[in-house]
Amino acid sequence: MSVSDEYLNIDIIAHELTHAEMHTRLNTNALKRIPAWFDEGLATQNDYREQYGLEAWIEQTDNGKNALPLEDMDTGPEFYAGTVEDRRFRYLNAKHEVGVWMDTHQQKGLLELFDKLNNGEEFDTAYFK
């Protein structure tokens, strides 16, 4: 984890600590199978800036009509490509997707997902069940 003075605020610190927690809980093979949108979407659950909130998602995606397909954000090069605005839009979409999943599955479901991934189950199989 690395946080520069320029980006030193509670939302970014919480985001980075969430990455660290997930990367501690998952083994190396499981981490290799995590799509970038899930990694960033989970970390962004702890980012409460308005630019990543539900109102921003509704406005920017026309209530989901223009949401990005998850398969367009699977890899690091896909997720982090483009302008700052492009990346923010992907963070916004990823946060919303994982937020909806978390509303249904809660912390218990997240820990079960991690167990399945650590036991070799493919991400899509474990996540989309």
C-alpha atoms as a PDB file:
ATOM      1  CA  MET A   1       0.000   0.000   0.000  1.00  0.00           C
ATOM      2  CA  SER A   2       1.236   3.443  -0.847  1.00  0.00           C
ATOM      3  CA  VAL A   3      -0.543   6.716  -0.185  1.00  0.00           C
ATOM      4  CA  SER A   4       1.115   9.964  -1.222  1.00  0.00           C
ATOM      5  CA  ASP A   5       0.659  13.258   0.611  1.00  0.00           C
ATOM      6  CA  GLU A   6      -1.313  14.506  -2.391  1.00  0.00           C
ATOM      7  CA  TYR A   7      -3.999  11.856  -1.875  1.00  0.00           C
ATOM      8  CA  LEU A   8      -3.963  11.621   1.920  1.00  0.00           C
ATOM      9  CA  ASN A   9      -7.628  11.455   2.932  1.00  0.00           C
ATOM     10  CA  ILE A  10      -9.807   9.002   4.821  1.00  0.00           C
ATOM     11  CA  ASP A  11     -11.572   7.583   1.744  1.00  0.00           C
ATOM     12  CA  ILE A  12      -8.359   6.767  -0.072  1.00  0.00           C
ATOM     13  CA  ILE A  13      -6.753   5.307   3.050  1.00  0.00           C
ATOM     14  CA  ALA A  14      -9.832   3.118   3.665  1.00  0.00           C
ATOM     15  CA  HIS A  15      -9.765   2.049   0.000  1.00  0.00           C
ATOM     16  CA  GLU A  16      -6.102   1.042   0.201  1.00  0.00           C
ATOM     17  CA  LEU A  17      -6.585  -0.782   3.503  1.00  0.00           C
ATOM     18  CA  THR A  18      -9.423  -2.764   1.916  1.00  0.00           C
ATOM     19  CA  HIS A  19      -7.049  -3.846  -0.851  1.00  0.00           C
ATOM     20  CA  ALA A  20      -4.509  -4.877   1.779  1.00  0.00           C
ATOM     21  CA  GLU A  21      -7.114  -6.869   3.720  1.00  0.00           C
ATOM     22  CA  MET A  22      -8.344  -8.725   0.640  1.00  0.00           C
ATOM     23  CA  HIS A  23      -4.802  -9.436  -0.532  1.00  0.00           C
ATOM     24  CA  THR A  24      -4.013 -10.847   2.917  1.00  0.00           C
ATOM     25  CA  ARG A  25      -7.062 -13.131   2.928  1.00  0.00           C
ATOM     26  CA  LEU A  26      -6.567 -14.565  -0.567  1.00  0.00           C
ATOM     27  CA  ASN A  27      -3.787 -16.882  -1.632  1.00  0.00           C
ATOM     28  CA  THR A  28      -1.633 -16.101  -4.662  1.00  0.00           C
ATOM     29  CA  ASN A  29      -3.604 -18.329  -7.043  1.00  0.00           C
ATOM     30  CA  ALA A  30      -6.916 -16.795  -5.956  1.00  0.00           C
ATOM     31  CA  LEU A  31      -5.559 -13.279  -6.388  1.00  0.00           C
ATOM     32  CA  LYS A  32      -4.548 -14.067  -9.965  1.00  0.00           C
ATOM     33  CA  ARG A  33      -8.184 -14.902 -10.773  1.00  0.00           C
ATOM     34  CA  ILE A  34      -9.732 -11.737  -9.312  1.00  0.00           C
ATOM     35  CA  PRO A  35     -10.906  -9.330 -12.022  1.00  0.00           C
ATOM     36  CA  ALA A  36      -9.769  -5.739 -11.651  1.00  0.00           C
ATOM     37  CA  TRP A  37     -13.372  -4.518 -11.384  1.00  0.00           C
ATOM     38  CA  PHE A  38     -13.940  -6.696  -8.293  1.00  0.00           C
ATOM     39  CA  ASP A  39     -10.670  -5.710  -6.627  1.00  0.00           C
ATOM     40  CA  GLU A  40     -11.387  -2.005  -7.141  1.00  0.00           C
ATOM     41  CA  GLY A  41     -15.129  -2.328  -6.585  1.00  0.00           C
ATOM     42  CA  LEU A  42     -14.638  -3.958  -3.205  1.00  0.00           C
ATOM     43  CA  ALA A  43     -12.031  -1.384  -2.151  1.00  0.00           C
ATOM     44  CA  THR A  44     -14.318   1.432  -3.267  1.00  0.00           C
ATOM     45  CA  GLN A  45     -17.052   0.193  -0.911  1.00  0.00           C
ATOM     46  CA  ASN A  46     -15.170   2.133   1.750  1.00  0.00           C
ATOM     47  CA  ASP A  47     -14.938   5.325  -0.317  1.00  0.00           C
ATOM     48  CA  TYR A  48     -17.797   7.684   0.434  1.00  0.00           C
ATOM     49  CA  ARG A  49     -16.888  10.533  -1.892  1.00  0.00           C
ATOM     50  CA  GLU A  50     -19.888  11.792  -3.873  1.00  0.00           C
ATOM     51  CA  GLN A  51     -18.188  11.047  -7.204  1.00  0.00           C
ATOM     52  CA  TYR A  52     -18.601   7.319  -6.445  1.00  0.00           C
ATOM     53  CA  GLY A  53     -22.047   7.459  -4.825  1.00  0.00           C
ATOM     54  CA  LEU A  54     -25.345   6.053  -6.018  1.00  0.00           C
ATOM     55  CA  GLU A  55     -26.580   9.415  -7.279  1.00  0.00           C
ATOM     56  CA  ALA A  56     -23.456   9.778  -9.436  1.00  0.00           C
ATOM     57  CA  TRP A  57     -23.940   6.236 -10.795  1.00  0.00           C
ATOM     58  CA  ILE A  58     -27.618   6.906 -11.630  1.00  0.00           C
ATOM     59  CA  GLU A  59     -26.752  10.164 -13.369  1.00  0.00           C
ATOM     60  CA  GLN A  60     -23.664   8.994 -15.252  1.00  0.00           C
ATOM     61  CA  THR A  61     -25.082   5.635 -16.397  1.00  0.00           C
ATOM     62  CA  ASP A  62     -28.661   6.839 -17.001  1.00  0.00           C
ATOM     63  CA  ASN A  63     -29.791   4.545 -14.171  1.00  0.00           C
ATOM     64  CA  GLY A  64     -27.727   1.655 -15.480  1.00  0.00           C
ATOM     65  CA  LYS A  65     -28.647   1.909 -19.169  1.00  0.00           C
ATOM     66  CA  ASN A  66     -25.091   2.954 -20.014  1.00  0.00           C
ATOM     67  CA  ALA A  67     -23.266   0.959 -17.335  1.00  0.00           C
ATOM     68  CA  LEU A  68     -20.051  -0.664 -18.465  1.00  0.00           C
ATOM     69  CA  PRO A  69     -20.091  -4.423 -19.033  1.00  0.00           C
ATOM     70  CA  LEU A  70     -17.951  -6.146 -16.418  1.00  0.00           C
ATOM     71  CA  GLU A  71     -15.994  -8.000 -19.104  1.00  0.00           C
ATOM     72  CA  ASP A  72     -14.736  -4.603 -20.315  1.00  0.00           C
ATOM     73  CA  MET A  73     -13.065  -4.030 -16.915  1.00  0.00           C
ATOM     74  CA  ASP A  74     -11.605  -7.467 -16.142  1.00  0.00           C
ATOM     75  CA  THR A  75      -7.901  -6.770 -16.552  1.00  0.00           C
ATOM     76  CA  GLY A  76      -5.673  -4.050 -15.180  1.00  0.00           C
ATOM     77  CA  PRO A  77      -4.924  -2.654 -18.651  1.00  0.00           C
ATOM     78  CA  GLU A  78      -8.682  -2.435 -19.342  1.00  0.00           C
ATOM     79  CA  PHE A  79      -9.578  -0.961 -15.963  1.00  0.00           C
ATOM     80  CA  TYR A  80      -6.821   1.647 -15.737  1.00  0.00           C
ATOM     81  CA  ALA A  81      -6.822   2.740 -19.412  1.00  0.00           C
ATOM     82  CA  GLY A  82      -7.769   6.139 -20.721  1.00  0.00           C
ATOM     83  CA  THR A  83      -8.291   9.465 -19.052  1.00  0.00           C
ATOM     84  CA  VAL A  84      -8.886  10.185 -15.385  1.00  0.00           C
ATOM     85  CA  GLU A  85     -12.591  10.514 -16.218  1.00  0.00           C
ATOM     86  CA  ASP A  86     -12.573   7.094 -17.946  1.00  0.00           C
ATOM     87  CA  ARG A  87     -10.999   5.496 -14.877  1.00  0.00           C
ATOM     88  CA  ARG A  88     -13.382   7.248 -12.484  1.00  0.00           C
ATOM     89  CA  PHE A  89     -16.314   5.932 -14.519  1.00  0.00           C
ATOM     90  CA  ARG A  90     -14.945   2.392 -14.208  1.00  0.00           C
ATOM     91  CA  TYR A  91     -14.477   2.832 -10.437  1.00  0.00           C
ATOM     92  CA  LEU A  92     -18.059   4.091 -10.225  1.00  0.00           C
ATOM     93  CA  ASN A  93     -19.387   1.081 -12.162  1.00  0.00           C
ATOM     94  CA  ALA A  94     -17.263  -1.372 -10.179  1.00  0.00           C
ATOM     95  CA  LYS A  95     -18.370   0.115  -6.853  1.00  0.00           C
ATOM     96  CA  HIS A  96     -22.004  -0.172  -7.852  1.00  0.00           C
ATOM     97  CA  GLU A  97     -21.712  -3.790  -9.022  1.00  0.00           C
ATOM     98  CA  VAL A  98     -19.922  -4.947  -5.887  1.00  0.00           C
ATOM     99  CA  GLY A  99     -22.241  -2.859  -3.698  1.00  0.00           C
ATOM    100  CA  VAL A 100     -25.315  -4.589  -5.113  1.00  0.00           C
ATOM    101  CA  TRP A 101     -23.612  -7.966  -4.591  1.00  0.00           C
ATOM    102  CA  MET A 102     -22.656  -7.045  -1.015  1.00  0.00           C
ATOM    103  CA  ASP A 103     -26.222  -5.945  -0.227  1.00  0.00           C
ATOM    104  CA  THR A 104     -27.331  -9.476  -1.063  1.00  0.00           C
ATOM    105  CA  HIS A 105     -24.398 -11.509   0.269  1.00  0.00           C
ATOM    106  CA  GLN A 106     -23.140  -9.373   3.164  1.00  0.00           C
ATOM    107  CA  GLN A 107     -19.841 -10.003   4.973  1.00  0.00           C
ATOM    108  CA  LYS A 108     -20.594 -13.711   5.420  1.00  0.00           C
ATOM    109  CA  GLY A 109     -20.998 -14.136   1.675  1.00  0.00           C
ATOM    110  CA  LEU A 110     -17.788 -12.254   1.008  1.00  0.00           C
ATOM    111  CA  LEU A 111     -15.835 -14.509   3.350  1.00  0.00           C
ATOM    112  CA  GLU A 112     -17.440 -17.563   1.713  1.00  0.00           C
ATOM    113  CA  LEU A 113     -16.423 -16.193  -1.689  1.00  0.00           C
ATOM    114  CA  PHE A 114     -12.844 -15.829  -0.465  1.00  0.00           C
ATOM    115  CA  ASP A 115     -12.887 -19.427   0.822  1.00  0.00           C
ATOM    116  CA  LYS A 116     -14.163 -20.717  -2.523  1.00  0.00           C
ATOM    117  CA  LEU A 117     -11.487 -18.777  -4.401  1.00  0.00           C
ATOM    118  CA  ASN A 118      -8.761 -20.002  -2.046  1.00  0.00           C
ATOM    119  CA  ASN A 119      -9.997 -23.556  -2.694  1.00  0.00           C
ATOM    120  CA  GLY A 120      -9.543 -23.145  -6.443  1.00  0.00           C
ATOM    121  CA  GLU A 121     -13.039 -22.239  -7.633  1.00  0.00           C
ATOM    122  CA  GLU A 122     -13.113 -19.918 -10.623  1.00  0.00           C
ATOM    123  CA  PHE A 123     -14.152 -16.350  -9.834  1.00  0.00           C
ATOM    124  CA  ASP A 124     -17.170 -16.207 -12.180  1.00  0.00           C
ATOM    125  CA  THR A 125     -18.508 -19.505 -10.846  1.00  0.00           C
ATOM    126  CA  ALA A 126     -18.174 -18.411  -7.225  1.00  0.00           C
ATOM    127  CA  TYR A 127     -19.344 -14.802  -7.668  1.00  0.00           C
ATOM    128  CA  PHE A 128     -22.283 -15.230 -10.013  1.00  0.00           C
ATOM    129  CA  LYS A 129     -23.919 -18.219  -8.240  1.00  0.00           C
END
